Amino acid sequence: MKILRVLPSMDFGGIERGVYDFSLKASALGHQVVVVSGNGRFIPLLKEKGIKWHNLPMERKNPAVFFSACRRLKKITEEEKPDILHAQSRFPCWIACRVMKSFPEMPWVTSIHNFHTARWYSKSVGKGNLVITVSRALKNYAVEYLRIPEDRIRVVYNGIDVAFLNIKKTNRETPTIGMIARFSTWKGHFFFLEAVKKVREEGLNVKVLIVGSGSERYRTELEKRISENRMAEAVKIVRMDGREALENMDVLVVPSLEPEGFGRTVAEAQMSKTPVIGTGIGAVPELIEDGKTGFLVEPGNTDQLADRIRFILTNPDAASSIANAAFDNAVKNFTVSHMTEKTLSVYGELLKE
C-alpha cells in the first residue's frame, strides 16, 4: 500500500511524532509512506530512515498559501499516485478537501487530535471518507459538535515509542513530582503548584520538576508564583524530552483544566511505570482507571490533588501496584505497533470498498 500523509510541519509535537512513528513501522511492514509537510526537526530522521518527503509549508493560514498549497499537493498526488491520502490538522484538511475533488476514485482519511471551539473552521477534519479520532472522547465531540456521522468514525489511540519501556529512574533521596506540558493557562500549572504547596506545608519534603516550553511571559508568571510561595529551591523549570523528564520523576501530574484529546504524557508515564494523577476530563479517563491505573481528580480541586500526591508518596506498595497495572494497560493499548495496525486497518477498510 502506498500512503500519502499530509500535515502542517514535521517539528516535534504529538501529531508529528505519531506520523514519524507510523511511517517507520508501516515501512517495516512493507508499505510505502510519503510525507507531505513543512520542514521540521523530524525531517532529517525521516530521510535517514529512507522515508520520502515533499516540502509543502502549510503553517501560515492565508488565501495565498492555501491556493498555492492546493496546486502543489495536486501535483504531488499526480506524481506519487498513492493508494490512499491521510490529512491531519485543520488547514491541511481544507487543502486536501479541495484537492481530492480531482481524484474522486482515491479514498482519503482525516484525523481529529484536539477539541476546538471554532465549529465551521474545524469541519475540515471530518471531510474524509473515514475519520480517525485518537480517543472516544473526541469521537463524541465529532458526533455531537461537528455533526460527523458515527458510522464514519474510527477510534485509534496514539502509539508510544517502546523507548519509554526502558526508562531507568535516577537515584533520589527526595521524591520528585513532575509536570510535562507546554506553557499555557489551561494546562493547569498554577493549580499544580497550589497542590504542591499544600503537600509541603504538611511536612512532606518534595522536589518539583516542571518540563515545558512556550510563552516566556507565562514562564515569568510561574517563576513569580514559585518565589511568592517560597518554593524556589524546590522547583526547577527545564526544557528536556519526555524520556529524560520521566527518568527524573517519581510522580507525574497532568492537571489540565480543559479536556485533552488523548494525553500522550499519561501513556508515556504509564509505559515507564511512573504513577500518574490526572484530571477526569477529556480522554484522560480512558487512560486512567481511578484508583487502579492512576488517580483522577476534579479540575482545579487543589485539596483533592494534594491528597492523591500525599497518598502516592506515603504508600509505596500501593503506588507500585498502580504503576504496574497502568504499565500492563499501556502495553496492551498504546504502543506504536497497535496504532499502526489499527490505522492500516482503517485504510484497508476503504480500499476494500
Protein backbone atom coordinates (compact mmCIF):
# COMPACT_ATOMS: atom_id res chain seq x y z
CA MET A 1 0.00 0.00 0.00
CA LYS A 2 1.26 3.49 -0.84
CA ILE A 3 0.19 6.12 1.69
CA LEU A 4 0.41 9.91 1.41
CA ARG A 5 0.46 11.60 4.87
CA VAL A 6 -0.27 15.36 4.82
CA LEU A 7 0.31 17.65 7.83
CA PRO A 8 1.49 21.23 8.53
CA SER A 9 5.10 20.51 9.51
CA MET A 10 7.36 17.82 10.95
CA ASP A 11 8.64 19.62 14.01
CA PHE A 12 8.44 17.84 17.37
CA GLY A 13 4.86 17.50 18.60
CA GLY A 14 2.18 14.86 19.19
CA ILE A 15 0.85 14.71 15.61
CA GLU A 16 4.35 14.84 14.12
CA ARG A 17 5.62 12.15 16.47
CA GLY A 18 2.71 9.92 15.51
CA VAL A 19 3.34 10.35 11.76
CA TYR A 20 7.05 9.66 12.23
CA ASP A 21 6.44 6.50 14.29
CA PHE A 22 3.75 5.27 11.90
CA SER A 23 5.95 5.88 8.85
CA LEU A 24 8.79 3.79 10.25
CA LYS A 25 6.56 0.95 11.43
CA ALA A 26 4.44 0.82 8.27
CA SER A 27 7.58 0.87 6.09
CA ALA A 28 9.00 -2.03 8.10
CA LEU A 29 5.78 -3.93 7.31
CA GLY A 30 6.33 -3.40 3.56
CA HIS A 31 4.16 -0.35 2.92
CA GLN A 32 5.39 2.83 1.25
CA VAL A 33 4.82 6.08 3.13
CA VAL A 34 5.31 9.53 1.60
CA VAL A 35 5.16 12.54 3.93
CA VAL A 36 3.98 15.94 2.67
CA SER A 37 4.60 18.77 5.13
CA GLY A 38 6.59 21.86 6.01
CA ASN A 39 10.06 21.48 7.44
CA GLY A 40 10.93 20.44 10.99
CA ARG A 41 13.31 18.54 13.24
CA PHE A 42 11.85 15.16 12.25
CA ILE A 43 12.79 15.59 8.56
CA PRO A 44 16.47 14.50 8.85
CA LEU A 45 15.30 11.48 10.86
CA LEU A 46 12.73 10.58 8.20
CA LYS A 47 15.31 10.87 5.42
CA GLU A 48 17.80 8.80 7.40
CA LYS A 49 15.20 6.01 7.53
CA GLY A 50 14.51 6.26 3.79
CA ILE A 51 11.06 7.89 4.08
CA LYS A 52 10.28 10.16 1.12
CA TRP A 53 9.32 13.74 1.97
CA HIS A 54 7.86 16.61 -0.07
CA ASN A 55 8.33 20.10 1.33
CA LEU A 56 4.96 21.85 1.41
CA PRO A 57 4.76 24.59 4.10
CA MET A 58 1.21 24.96 5.45
CA GLU A 59 1.74 26.66 8.80
CA ARG A 60 0.77 30.15 7.57
CA LYS A 61 -3.00 30.24 7.11
CA ASN A 62 -3.98 32.72 4.40
CA PRO A 63 -5.58 32.52 0.93
CA ALA A 64 -2.28 32.79 -0.96
CA VAL A 65 -0.76 29.87 0.95
CA PHE A 66 -4.00 27.89 0.60
CA PHE A 67 -4.25 28.08 -3.20
CA SER A 68 -0.51 27.61 -3.68
CA ALA A 69 -0.60 24.52 -1.44
CA CYS A 70 -3.61 23.16 -3.33
CA ARG A 71 -1.75 23.36 -6.64
CA ARG A 72 1.37 21.78 -5.13
CA LEU A 73 -0.49 18.95 -3.36
CA LYS A 74 -2.42 18.14 -6.55
CA LYS A 75 0.86 17.85 -8.46
CA ILE A 76 2.44 15.67 -5.75
CA THR A 77 -0.61 13.40 -5.72
CA GLU A 78 -0.47 13.03 -9.51
CA GLU A 79 3.26 12.17 -9.35
CA GLU A 80 3.11 9.77 -6.39
CA LYS A 81 -0.17 8.02 -7.30
CA PRO A 82 -0.87 6.86 -3.72
CA ASP A 83 -3.49 4.29 -2.85
CA ILE A 84 -4.78 6.49 -0.05
CA LEU A 85 -4.29 10.02 1.32
CA HIS A 86 -4.40 10.87 5.03
CA ALA A 87 -4.62 14.54 6.09
CA GLN A 88 -4.17 15.89 9.62
CA SER A 89 -4.77 19.32 11.20
CA ARG A 90 -7.49 21.69 10.08
CA PHE A 91 -5.71 23.78 7.44
CA PRO A 92 -4.14 20.81 5.58
CA CYS A 93 -7.54 19.09 5.72
CA TRP A 94 -9.16 22.05 3.92
CA ILE A 95 -6.41 21.88 1.31
CA ALA A 96 -6.86 18.13 0.88
CA CYS A 97 -10.64 18.54 0.67
CA ARG A 98 -10.25 20.80 -2.37
CA VAL A 99 -7.53 18.66 -3.99
CA MET A 100 -9.37 15.36 -3.56
CA LYS A 101 -12.17 16.61 -5.82
CA SER A 102 -9.67 15.99 -8.65
CA PHE A 103 -9.21 12.37 -7.52
CA PRO A 104 -12.76 11.06 -6.93
CA GLU A 105 -11.68 7.42 -7.08
CA MET A 106 -8.97 7.79 -4.42
CA PRO A 107 -10.06 7.20 -0.81
CA TRP A 108 -8.87 9.58 1.87
CA VAL A 109 -8.85 9.85 5.64
CA THR A 110 -8.81 12.78 8.07
CA SER A 111 -7.84 12.77 11.75
CA ILE A 112 -9.07 14.62 14.83
CA HIS A 113 -6.49 15.12 17.59
CA ASN A 114 -7.88 18.00 19.66
CA PHE A 115 -11.01 19.74 20.85
CA HIS A 116 -11.68 23.02 19.00
CA THR A 117 -14.33 25.68 19.53
CA ALA A 118 -14.27 27.17 16.01
CA ARG A 119 -17.08 24.98 14.67
CA TRP A 120 -17.08 25.96 10.97
CA TYR A 121 -13.29 26.05 10.55
CA SER A 122 -12.97 22.69 12.35
CA LYS A 123 -15.36 20.93 9.98
CA SER A 124 -12.48 20.13 7.60
CA VAL A 125 -11.22 17.38 9.92
CA GLY A 126 -14.45 15.49 9.29
CA LYS A 127 -14.35 15.62 5.49
CA GLY A 128 -12.51 12.34 4.83
CA ASN A 129 -14.26 9.19 3.67
CA LEU A 130 -13.43 7.89 7.14
CA VAL A 131 -12.39 9.94 10.17
CA ILE A 132 -9.91 8.79 12.82
CA THR A 133 -10.18 10.17 16.35
CA VAL A 134 -7.45 9.47 18.90
CA SER A 135 -9.93 8.86 21.73
CA ARG A 136 -13.58 8.03 22.41
CA ALA A 137 -13.97 11.49 23.95
CA LEU A 138 -13.01 13.03 20.60
CA LYS A 139 -15.38 10.68 18.82
CA ASN A 140 -18.24 12.00 20.95
CA TYR A 141 -17.10 15.57 20.22
CA ALA A 142 -17.00 14.80 16.48
CA VAL A 143 -20.53 13.41 16.52
CA GLU A 144 -22.15 15.99 18.81
CA TYR A 145 -20.24 19.16 17.89
CA LEU A 146 -19.05 18.64 14.30
CA ARG A 147 -22.08 16.54 13.27
CA ILE A 148 -19.98 13.76 11.72
CA PRO A 149 -21.98 10.52 11.28
CA GLU A 150 -20.87 7.99 13.88
CA ASP A 151 -20.51 5.20 11.33
CA ARG A 152 -17.75 7.17 9.56
CA ILE A 153 -15.58 7.49 12.70
CA ARG A 154 -12.89 5.06 13.86
CA VAL A 155 -11.05 5.39 17.20
CA VAL A 156 -7.29 4.77 17.00
CA TYR A 157 -5.28 5.62 20.10
CA ASN A 158 -1.88 7.25 19.73
CA GLY A 159 1.12 4.95 19.92
CA ILE A 160 4.00 5.38 22.37
CA ASP A 161 7.59 4.53 21.47
CA VAL A 162 8.91 1.41 23.24
CA ALA A 163 11.88 3.54 24.38
CA PHE A 164 9.68 4.50 27.33
CA LEU A 165 9.67 0.84 28.41
CA ASN A 166 13.39 1.02 29.17
CA ILE A 167 13.49 4.11 31.38
CA LYS A 168 15.79 3.76 34.37
CA LYS A 169 14.97 6.08 37.25
CA THR A 170 17.75 8.24 38.67
CA ASN A 171 18.57 7.74 42.35
CA ARG A 172 16.97 10.40 44.58
CA GLU A 173 16.76 10.89 48.31
CA THR A 174 13.91 13.38 47.94
CA PRO A 175 10.89 12.34 45.85
CA THR A 176 10.19 14.44 42.75
CA ILE A 177 6.73 15.36 41.48
CA GLY A 178 6.66 16.42 37.86
CA MET A 179 4.60 18.00 35.13
CA ILE A 180 5.25 17.89 31.37
CA ALA A 181 3.28 20.43 29.32
CA ARG A 182 3.68 23.50 27.17
CA PHE A 183 3.28 26.83 28.92
CA SER A 184 -0.43 27.52 28.62
CA THR A 185 -3.03 28.55 31.23
CA TRP A 186 -5.34 25.61 30.52
CA LYS A 187 -2.57 23.09 31.25
CA GLY A 188 -3.03 23.83 34.98
CA HIS A 189 0.45 24.81 36.18
CA PHE A 190 -0.85 27.15 38.90
CA PHE A 191 -3.35 24.53 40.10
CA PHE A 192 -0.45 22.07 40.32
CA LEU A 193 1.77 24.49 42.28
CA GLU A 194 -1.01 25.21 44.80
CA ALA A 195 -1.42 21.48 45.48
CA VAL A 196 2.34 21.02 45.89
CA LYS A 197 2.39 23.96 48.31
CA LYS A 198 -0.24 22.22 50.46
CA VAL A 199 1.78 18.98 50.49
CA ARG A 200 4.93 20.80 51.52
CA GLU A 201 3.12 22.74 54.25
CA GLU A 202 2.00 19.40 55.69
CA GLY A 203 5.64 18.44 56.17
CA LEU A 204 6.34 16.27 53.11
CA ASN A 205 9.70 17.15 51.62
CA VAL A 206 9.32 17.01 47.83
CA LYS A 207 11.06 18.40 44.79
CA VAL A 208 9.19 19.66 41.74
CA LEU A 209 10.20 19.37 38.08
CA ILE A 210 8.22 21.41 35.53
CA VAL A 211 9.13 20.48 31.97
CA GLY A 212 7.91 22.61 29.12
CA SER A 213 8.43 25.44 26.66
CA GLY A 214 6.45 28.22 25.05
CA SER A 215 5.45 31.67 26.26
CA GLU A 216 8.26 33.40 28.14
CA ARG A 217 5.68 35.68 29.72
CA TYR A 218 3.84 32.67 31.12
CA ARG A 219 7.10 31.21 32.42
CA THR A 220 7.86 34.51 34.17
CA GLU A 221 4.44 34.37 35.86
CA LEU A 222 5.18 30.82 37.01
CA GLU A 223 8.54 31.84 38.43
CA LYS A 224 6.91 34.75 40.25
CA ARG A 225 4.33 32.44 41.85
CA ILE A 226 7.04 29.96 42.86
CA SER A 227 9.02 32.77 44.51
CA GLU A 228 5.94 34.12 46.31
CA ASN A 229 5.28 30.64 47.71
CA ARG A 230 8.90 30.33 48.85
CA MET A 231 9.46 27.23 46.73
CA ALA A 232 12.31 28.48 44.53
CA GLU A 233 14.80 25.99 45.97
CA ALA A 234 12.43 23.07 45.48
CA VAL A 235 11.13 23.81 41.95
CA LYS A 236 13.01 23.54 38.66
CA ILE A 237 11.62 24.67 35.30
CA VAL A 238 13.52 23.00 32.47
CA ARG A 239 13.26 22.02 28.83
CA MET A 240 14.03 18.36 28.06
CA ASP A 241 12.45 15.45 26.18
CA GLY A 242 9.78 13.32 27.81
CA ARG A 243 12.00 10.30 28.30
CA GLU A 244 14.64 12.23 30.24
CA ALA A 245 11.94 14.01 32.23
CA LEU A 246 10.33 10.76 33.37
CA GLU A 247 13.72 9.38 34.41
CA ASN A 248 13.78 12.18 36.97
CA MET A 249 10.20 11.91 38.29
CA ASP A 250 8.52 9.73 40.89
CA VAL A 251 5.00 11.01 40.15
CA LEU A 252 3.59 12.70 37.03
CA VAL A 253 0.70 15.13 37.39
CA VAL A 254 -1.46 16.10 34.39
CA PRO A 255 -3.61 18.90 35.89
CA SER A 256 -5.32 20.10 32.70
CA LEU A 257 -8.23 22.48 33.20
CA GLU A 258 -9.63 21.81 29.71
CA PRO A 259 -10.06 18.42 28.00
CA GLU A 260 -7.09 16.64 26.43
CA GLY A 261 -7.67 14.96 23.08
CA PHE A 262 -5.58 11.97 24.15
CA GLY A 263 -2.98 12.58 26.87
CA ARG A 264 0.33 11.37 25.43
CA THR A 265 2.30 12.18 28.58
CA VAL A 266 -0.08 9.99 30.59
CA ALA A 267 0.60 6.99 28.36
CA GLU A 268 4.35 7.68 28.30
CA ALA A 269 4.44 7.79 32.09
CA GLN A 270 2.46 4.57 32.34
CA MET A 271 4.93 2.89 29.96
CA SER A 272 7.75 3.97 32.27
CA LYS A 273 5.92 2.74 35.42
CA THR A 274 5.56 6.27 36.76
CA PRO A 275 2.35 6.76 38.81
CA VAL A 276 0.05 9.37 37.21
CA ILE A 277 -2.55 11.75 38.60
CA GLY A 278 -4.74 13.47 36.00
CA THR A 279 -7.93 15.48 35.82
CA GLY A 280 -11.02 13.49 34.95
CA ILE A 281 -11.98 15.29 31.75
CA GLY A 282 -11.49 14.69 28.03
CA ALA A 283 -9.66 11.50 27.11
CA VAL A 284 -7.66 11.11 30.33
CA PRO A 285 -10.30 8.83 31.96
CA GLU A 286 -9.81 6.45 29.02
CA LEU A 287 -6.16 6.08 30.04
CA ILE A 288 -6.60 6.13 33.82
CA GLU A 289 -9.00 3.95 35.79
CA ASP A 290 -9.28 5.83 39.06
CA GLY A 291 -7.57 4.03 41.93
CA LYS A 292 -6.40 1.15 39.72
CA THR A 293 -4.13 2.53 36.98
CA GLY A 294 -3.71 6.01 38.44
CA PHE A 295 -5.83 8.71 40.05
CA LEU A 296 -8.38 11.14 38.65
CA VAL A 297 -9.17 14.48 40.31
CA GLU A 298 -11.54 17.33 39.61
CA PRO A 299 -10.04 20.20 37.59
CA GLY A 300 -8.89 22.94 39.97
CA ASN A 301 -9.54 20.92 43.17
CA THR A 302 -6.24 21.52 44.99
CA ASP A 303 -7.27 19.60 48.12
CA GLN A 304 -8.06 16.50 46.06
CA LEU A 305 -4.83 16.73 44.08
CA ALA A 306 -2.74 17.27 47.23
CA ASP A 307 -4.41 14.25 48.84
CA ARG A 308 -3.56 11.97 45.88
CA ILE A 309 0.05 13.20 45.79
CA ARG A 310 0.34 12.55 49.51
CA PHE A 311 -1.11 9.04 49.13
CA ILE A 312 1.33 8.01 46.40
CA LEU A 313 4.36 9.35 48.27
CA THR A 314 3.42 7.74 51.60
CA ASN A 315 2.17 4.37 50.27
CA PRO A 316 4.98 2.97 48.10
CA ASP A 317 3.49 -0.53 47.81
CA ALA A 318 0.12 0.78 46.61
CA ALA A 319 1.87 3.20 44.25
CA SER A 320 3.93 0.35 42.79
CA SER A 321 0.82 -1.78 42.29
CA ILE A 322 -0.95 1.08 40.48
CA ALA A 323 2.11 1.74 38.30
CA ASN A 324 2.35 -1.94 37.31
CA ALA A 325 -1.36 -2.13 36.42
CA ALA A 326 -1.03 1.05 34.34
CA PHE A 327 2.02 -0.40 32.58
CA ASP A 328 0.10 -3.53 31.59
CA ASN A 329 -2.77 -1.41 30.23
CA ALA A 330 -0.42 0.88 28.27
CA VAL A 331 1.47 -2.00 26.67
CA LYS A 332 -1.84 -3.56 25.65
CA ASN A 333 -3.42 -0.42 24.16
CA PHE A 334 -0.93 2.38 23.47
CA THR A 335 2.05 1.03 21.52
CA VAL A 336 3.21 2.18 18.08
CA SER A 337 2.53 -1.34 16.79
CA HIS A 338 -1.07 -1.16 17.99
CA MET A 339 -1.57 2.31 16.48
CA THR A 340 -0.06 1.26 13.14
CA GLU A 341 -2.12 -1.92 12.94
CA LYS A 342 -5.36 -0.04 13.65
CA THR A 343 -4.54 2.75 11.18
CA LEU A 344 -3.70 0.30 8.41
CA SER A 345 -6.96 -1.48 9.15
CA VAL A 346 -8.86 1.80 8.53
CA TYR A 347 -7.03 2.24 5.21
CA GLY A 348 -7.76 -1.38 4.27
CA GLU A 349 -11.43 -0.91 5.01
CA LEU A 350 -11.63 1.95 2.49
CA LEU A 351 -9.57 0.20 -0.15
CA LYS A 352 -11.84 -2.84 0.00
CA GLU A 353 -14.83 -0.60 -0.57
